[in-house]
Amino acid sequence: MKFIGYIYVAAMVGLFVLIGVFSGGDDDRASKAQTVASAGTISDHSIGCLAKSDYDEFVTAARNKDHAQGQALLDSLRCFHIGGSRYSLVERSWFLVQIRVYGDSGSLKLWTSMESIPR
């Protein structure tokens, strides 16, 4: 399935390049289109975690209304509130994505839901 995801991303990047070429745009516009395809701003109220298992644990805690466990994951710096942050896509899986989240002093790779990133 990972291979199909790469084919999809490659097809989308190719489409953006073709749009730039056929619209009379220069290479600069085509490269900007490629960047837009894999970067943006994360939806509000999103959570990102260092490991897939941490994200799963956070979702389970939320589903069970176990606020103490959710807060423990945030306090231990295994999960973070990331809504409104800038990101770039690193990897896709079935329901999760790994993204690089950018802050004032650097970046961090985190796992979050597909719904957290705009399409």
N, C-alpha and C. Protein backbone atom coordinates (compact mmCIF):
# COMPACT_ATOMS: atom_id res chain seq x y z
N MET A 1 0.83 -1.19 0.00
CA MET A 1 0.00 0.00 0.00
C MET A 1 0.87 1.25 0.00
N LYS A 2 2.02 1.18 0.66
CA LYS A 2 2.94 2.31 0.69
C LYS A 2 3.35 2.68 -0.73
N PHE A 3 3.58 1.67 -1.58
CA PHE A 3 3.98 1.88 -2.96
C PHE A 3 2.90 2.64 -3.72
N ILE A 4 1.64 2.30 -3.49
CA ILE A 4 0.53 2.98 -4.16
C ILE A 4 0.48 4.43 -3.73
N GLY A 5 0.75 4.69 -2.45
CA GLY A 5 0.80 6.07 -1.96
C GLY A 5 1.86 6.88 -2.66
N TYR A 6 3.04 6.28 -2.88
CA TYR A 6 4.11 6.98 -3.59
C TYR A 6 3.71 7.26 -5.04
N ILE A 7 3.03 6.30 -5.66
CA ILE A 7 2.57 6.51 -7.04
C ILE A 7 1.58 7.67 -7.08
N TYR A 8 0.68 7.73 -6.12
CA TYR A 8 -0.30 8.82 -6.07
C TYR A 8 0.40 10.17 -5.92
N VAL A 9 1.35 10.25 -4.98
CA VAL A 9 2.08 11.51 -4.77
C VAL A 9 2.84 11.90 -6.02
N ALA A 10 3.51 10.92 -6.66
CA ALA A 10 4.26 11.21 -7.89
C ALA A 10 3.32 11.70 -8.99
N ALA A 11 2.15 11.10 -9.09
CA ALA A 11 1.18 11.52 -10.11
C ALA A 11 0.70 12.94 -9.84
N MET A 12 0.44 13.27 -8.58
CA MET A 12 -0.01 14.62 -8.25
C MET A 12 1.08 15.65 -8.53
N VAL A 13 2.31 15.34 -8.17
CA VAL A 13 3.42 16.26 -8.45
C VAL A 13 3.57 16.44 -9.96
N GLY A 14 3.48 15.34 -10.70
CA GLY A 14 3.56 15.42 -12.16
C GLY A 14 2.45 16.27 -12.73
N LEU A 15 1.26 16.17 -12.17
CA LEU A 15 0.12 16.96 -12.63
C LEU A 15 0.38 18.45 -12.40
N PHE A 16 0.91 18.79 -11.22
CA PHE A 16 1.20 20.20 -10.94
C PHE A 16 2.28 20.74 -11.88
N VAL A 17 3.28 19.93 -12.19
CA VAL A 17 4.33 20.36 -13.12
C VAL A 17 3.72 20.58 -14.50
N LEU A 18 2.88 19.65 -14.96
CA LEU A 18 2.24 19.80 -16.27
C LEU A 18 1.36 21.05 -16.33
N ILE A 19 0.63 21.32 -15.26
CA ILE A 19 -0.20 22.52 -15.24
C ILE A 19 0.68 23.75 -15.40
N GLY A 20 1.83 23.78 -14.71
CA GLY A 20 2.74 24.92 -14.82
C GLY A 20 3.31 25.05 -16.22
N VAL A 21 3.66 23.94 -16.86
CA VAL A 21 4.24 23.96 -18.19
C VAL A 21 3.21 24.40 -19.22
N PHE A 22 2.02 23.83 -19.19
CA PHE A 22 1.00 24.14 -20.19
C PHE A 22 0.32 25.49 -19.98
N SER A 23 0.44 26.04 -18.77
CA SER A 23 -0.15 27.35 -18.56
C SER A 23 0.84 28.45 -18.89
N GLY A 24 2.02 28.07 -19.42
CA GLY A 24 3.01 29.08 -19.79
C GLY A 24 3.84 29.52 -18.61
N GLY A 25 3.70 28.83 -17.45
CA GLY A 25 4.46 29.21 -16.27
C GLY A 25 5.91 28.79 -16.38
N ASP A 26 6.74 29.38 -15.56
CA ASP A 26 8.15 29.04 -15.57
C ASP A 26 8.44 27.97 -14.52
N ASP A 27 9.68 27.56 -14.42
CA ASP A 27 10.06 26.50 -13.46
C ASP A 27 9.76 26.91 -12.03
N ASP A 28 9.84 28.20 -11.73
CA ASP A 28 9.59 28.66 -10.38
C ASP A 28 8.15 28.36 -9.96
N ARG A 29 7.18 28.61 -10.84
CA ARG A 29 5.79 28.31 -10.53
C ARG A 29 5.56 26.82 -10.37
N ALA A 30 6.20 26.01 -11.18
CA ALA A 30 6.06 24.56 -11.07
C ALA A 30 6.61 24.06 -9.75
N SER A 31 7.74 24.59 -9.30
CA SER A 31 8.32 24.14 -8.03
C SER A 31 7.46 24.59 -6.86
N LYS A 32 6.82 25.77 -6.95
CA LYS A 32 5.91 26.20 -5.90
C LYS A 32 4.70 25.27 -5.83
N ALA A 33 4.21 24.82 -6.96
CA ALA A 33 3.07 23.90 -6.98
C ALA A 33 3.45 22.58 -6.33
N GLN A 34 4.67 22.12 -6.53
CA GLN A 34 5.11 20.87 -5.89
C GLN A 34 5.15 21.04 -4.38
N THR A 35 5.59 22.19 -3.89
CA THR A 35 5.66 22.43 -2.46
C THR A 35 4.26 22.44 -1.85
N VAL A 36 3.31 23.07 -2.51
CA VAL A 36 1.95 23.14 -2.01
C VAL A 36 1.34 21.74 -1.89
N ALA A 37 1.74 20.83 -2.76
CA ALA A 37 1.18 19.49 -2.75
C ALA A 37 1.53 18.72 -1.49
N SER A 38 2.61 19.07 -0.80
CA SER A 38 3.04 18.27 0.34
C SER A 38 3.27 19.09 1.61
N ALA A 39 2.72 20.30 1.69
CA ALA A 39 2.92 21.14 2.86
C ALA A 39 1.70 22.00 3.09
N GLY A 40 1.60 22.56 4.28
CA GLY A 40 0.48 23.43 4.58
C GLY A 40 0.41 23.73 6.06
N THR A 41 -0.80 23.99 6.53
CA THR A 41 -1.06 24.28 7.93
C THR A 41 -2.02 23.24 8.48
N ILE A 42 -1.73 22.75 9.65
CA ILE A 42 -2.51 21.68 10.28
C ILE A 42 -3.84 22.23 10.80
N SER A 43 -4.88 21.42 10.70
CA SER A 43 -6.21 21.79 11.20
C SER A 43 -6.17 22.06 12.71
N ASP A 44 -7.04 22.95 13.15
CA ASP A 44 -7.13 23.27 14.58
C ASP A 44 -7.50 22.03 15.39
N HIS A 45 -7.12 22.03 16.64
CA HIS A 45 -7.45 20.98 17.61
C HIS A 45 -6.83 19.63 17.26
N SER A 46 -5.76 19.62 16.50
CA SER A 46 -5.10 18.37 16.14
C SER A 46 -4.03 18.02 17.15
N ILE A 47 -3.80 16.71 17.27
CA ILE A 47 -2.77 16.18 18.16
C ILE A 47 -1.76 15.43 17.30
N GLY A 48 -0.48 15.56 17.62
CA GLY A 48 0.56 14.79 16.98
C GLY A 48 1.39 14.09 18.03
N CYS A 49 1.85 12.87 17.74
CA CYS A 49 2.61 12.08 18.72
C CYS A 49 3.89 11.57 18.09
N LEU A 50 4.89 11.32 18.93
CA LEU A 50 6.20 10.86 18.47
C LEU A 50 6.14 9.48 17.83
N ALA A 51 5.28 8.61 18.33
CA ALA A 51 5.18 7.24 17.81
C ALA A 51 3.72 6.92 17.47
N LYS A 52 3.53 6.01 16.51
CA LYS A 52 2.17 5.58 16.16
C LYS A 52 1.46 5.04 17.39
N SER A 53 2.17 4.27 18.20
CA SER A 53 1.55 3.67 19.38
C SER A 53 1.10 4.74 20.37
N ASP A 54 1.85 5.84 20.48
CA ASP A 54 1.43 6.94 21.36
C ASP A 54 0.15 7.58 20.83
N TYR A 55 0.07 7.75 19.50
CA TYR A 55 -1.13 8.34 18.91
C TYR A 55 -2.33 7.42 19.14
N ASP A 56 -2.14 6.13 18.94
CA ASP A 56 -3.22 5.17 19.18
C ASP A 56 -3.67 5.22 20.64
N GLU A 57 -2.71 5.33 21.55
CA GLU A 57 -3.03 5.40 22.97
C GLU A 57 -3.83 6.68 23.28
N PHE A 58 -3.44 7.79 22.65
CA PHE A 58 -4.15 9.05 22.86
C PHE A 58 -5.59 8.95 22.35
N VAL A 59 -5.77 8.37 21.17
CA VAL A 59 -7.11 8.21 20.59
C VAL A 59 -7.97 7.30 21.48
N THR A 60 -7.38 6.23 21.97
CA THR A 60 -8.11 5.33 22.88
C THR A 60 -8.52 6.06 24.15
N ALA A 61 -7.61 6.85 24.70
CA ALA A 61 -7.93 7.63 25.91
C ALA A 61 -9.07 8.61 25.62
N ALA A 62 -9.04 9.27 24.46
CA ALA A 62 -10.10 10.22 24.11
C ALA A 62 -11.44 9.49 23.94
N ARG A 63 -11.40 8.34 23.27
CA ARG A 63 -12.63 7.57 23.04
C ARG A 63 -13.23 7.11 24.37
N ASN A 64 -12.37 6.74 25.32
CA ASN A 64 -12.82 6.27 26.63
C ASN A 64 -13.05 7.40 27.63
N LYS A 65 -12.87 8.64 27.15
CA LYS A 65 -13.00 9.84 28.01
C LYS A 65 -12.07 9.77 29.21
N ASP A 66 -10.88 9.20 28.97
CA ASP A 66 -9.85 9.10 30.00
C ASP A 66 -8.94 10.33 29.89
N HIS A 67 -9.44 11.45 30.42
CA HIS A 67 -8.73 12.72 30.31
C HIS A 67 -7.37 12.68 31.01
N ALA A 68 -7.27 11.92 32.08
CA ALA A 68 -6.00 11.83 32.81
C ALA A 68 -4.91 11.20 31.94
N GLN A 69 -5.26 10.15 31.20
CA GLN A 69 -4.26 9.49 30.34
C GLN A 69 -3.87 10.41 29.17
N GLY A 70 -4.85 11.08 28.58
CA GLY A 70 -4.54 12.02 27.51
C GLY A 70 -3.60 13.12 27.99
N GLN A 71 -3.89 13.65 29.17
CA GLN A 71 -3.03 14.70 29.74
C GLN A 71 -1.65 14.15 30.08
N ALA A 72 -1.58 12.89 30.54
CA ALA A 72 -0.28 12.28 30.85
C ALA A 72 0.59 12.17 29.60
N LEU A 73 -0.02 11.83 28.46
CA LEU A 73 0.74 11.76 27.20
C LEU A 73 1.25 13.14 26.79
N LEU A 74 0.42 14.16 27.00
CA LEU A 74 0.86 15.53 26.70
C LEU A 74 1.95 15.99 27.66
N ASP A 75 1.78 15.70 28.95
CA ASP A 75 2.76 16.12 29.96
C ASP A 75 4.10 15.43 29.79
N SER A 76 4.08 14.18 29.30
CA SER A 76 5.33 13.43 29.12
C SER A 76 6.04 13.80 27.81
N LEU A 77 5.46 14.74 27.07
CA LEU A 77 6.00 15.21 25.79
C LEU A 77 6.09 14.09 24.75
N ARG A 78 5.14 13.14 24.84
CA ARG A 78 5.03 12.10 23.81
C ARG A 78 4.00 12.50 22.77
N CYS A 79 3.07 13.41 23.14
CA CYS A 79 2.07 13.96 22.23
C CYS A 79 1.99 15.46 22.44
N PHE A 80 1.54 16.17 21.38
CA PHE A 80 1.54 17.63 21.41
C PHE A 80 0.29 18.16 20.71
N HIS A 81 -0.17 19.33 21.15
CA HIS A 81 -1.20 20.07 20.41
C HIS A 81 -0.49 20.72 19.23
N ILE A 82 -0.93 20.43 18.00
CA ILE A 82 -0.22 20.94 16.82
C ILE A 82 -1.11 21.75 15.89
N GLY A 83 -2.34 22.02 16.27
CA GLY A 83 -3.27 22.78 15.43
C GLY A 83 -2.70 24.13 15.03
N GLY A 84 -2.80 24.46 13.75
CA GLY A 84 -2.32 25.73 13.24
C GLY A 84 -0.84 25.77 12.89
N SER A 85 -0.12 24.68 13.15
CA SER A 85 1.32 24.63 12.86
C SER A 85 1.57 24.37 11.38
N ARG A 86 2.71 24.82 10.91
CA ARG A 86 3.13 24.50 9.54
C ARG A 86 3.70 23.09 9.53
N TYR A 87 3.53 22.38 8.41
CA TYR A 87 4.02 21.01 8.32
C TYR A 87 4.43 20.69 6.90
N SER A 88 5.18 19.60 6.77
CA SER A 88 5.41 18.96 5.47
C SER A 88 5.20 17.46 5.67
N LEU A 89 4.74 16.81 4.61
CA LEU A 89 4.42 15.39 4.67
C LEU A 89 5.68 14.54 4.59
N VAL A 90 5.80 13.56 5.48
CA VAL A 90 6.94 12.64 5.48
C VAL A 90 6.50 11.27 4.98
N GLU A 91 5.41 10.74 5.54
CA GLU A 91 4.97 9.38 5.20
C GLU A 91 3.47 9.23 5.43
N ARG A 92 2.84 8.40 4.61
CA ARG A 92 1.43 8.08 4.78
C ARG A 92 1.27 6.61 5.12
N SER A 93 0.31 6.31 5.99
CA SER A 93 -0.10 4.92 6.21
C SER A 93 -1.61 4.90 6.04
N TRP A 94 -2.27 3.83 6.44
CA TRP A 94 -3.71 3.70 6.19
C TRP A 94 -4.51 4.87 6.72
N PHE A 95 -4.41 5.15 8.00
CA PHE A 95 -5.22 6.21 8.61
C PHE A 95 -4.38 7.31 9.22
N LEU A 96 -3.09 7.12 9.24
CA LEU A 96 -2.19 8.08 9.86
C LEU A 96 -1.20 8.64 8.85
N VAL A 97 -0.66 9.80 9.17
CA VAL A 97 0.41 10.39 8.39
C VAL A 97 1.53 10.79 9.34
N GLN A 98 2.75 10.68 8.85
CA GLN A 98 3.87 11.23 9.60
C GLN A 98 4.22 12.54 8.94
N ILE A 99 4.29 13.59 9.75
CA ILE A 99 4.57 14.92 9.23
C ILE A 99 5.75 15.52 9.99
N ARG A 100 6.39 16.47 9.35
CA ARG A 100 7.41 17.26 10.03
C ARG A 100 6.74 18.57 10.38
N VAL A 101 6.65 18.87 11.67
CA VAL A 101 6.01 20.08 12.17
C VAL A 101 7.10 21.10 12.48
N TYR A 102 6.90 22.31 11.97
CA TYR A 102 7.91 23.37 12.12
C TYR A 102 7.49 24.35 13.21
N GLY A 103 8.43 24.65 14.08
CA GLY A 103 8.22 25.63 15.14
C GLY A 103 9.27 26.72 15.06
N ASP A 104 9.28 27.57 16.05
CA ASP A 104 10.23 28.69 16.07
C ASP A 104 11.68 28.23 16.14
N SER A 105 11.93 27.11 16.84
CA SER A 105 13.31 26.71 17.06
C SER A 105 13.69 25.40 16.36
N GLY A 106 12.91 24.96 15.38
CA GLY A 106 13.27 23.74 14.67
C GLY A 106 12.04 22.98 14.21
N SER A 107 12.22 21.67 14.06
CA SER A 107 11.12 20.83 13.59
C SER A 107 11.13 19.50 14.33
N LEU A 108 10.00 18.79 14.20
CA LEU A 108 9.82 17.52 14.90
C LEU A 108 8.95 16.64 14.03
N LYS A 109 9.32 15.36 13.88
CA LYS A 109 8.47 14.41 13.13
C LYS A 109 7.45 13.80 14.07
N LEU A 110 6.16 13.90 13.67
CA LEU A 110 5.07 13.42 14.50
C LEU A 110 4.07 12.64 13.67
N TRP A 111 3.31 11.76 14.32
CA TRP A 111 2.21 11.02 13.69
C TRP A 111 0.91 11.69 14.06
N THR A 112 0.01 11.81 13.10
CA THR A 112 -1.31 12.37 13.34
C THR A 112 -2.30 11.73 12.37
N SER A 113 -3.56 12.09 12.48
CA SER A 113 -4.58 11.51 11.59
C SER A 113 -4.55 12.18 10.22
N MET A 114 -5.04 11.46 9.21
CA MET A 114 -5.15 12.02 7.86
C MET A 114 -6.03 13.27 7.87
N GLU A 115 -7.04 13.30 8.76
CA GLU A 115 -7.96 14.43 8.82
C GLU A 115 -7.29 15.70 9.32
N SER A 116 -6.15 15.58 9.96
CA SER A 116 -5.46 16.76 10.51
C SER A 116 -4.81 17.61 9.44
N ILE A 117 -4.54 17.00 8.28
CA ILE A 117 -3.87 17.77 7.22
C ILE A 117 -4.87 18.08 6.12
N PRO A 118 -4.94 19.33 5.70
CA PRO A 118 -5.87 19.69 4.62
C PRO A 118 -5.49 19.00 3.33
N ARG A 119 -6.49 18.71 2.52
CA ARG A 119 -6.23 18.07 1.22
C ARG A 119 -6.35 19.06 0.12
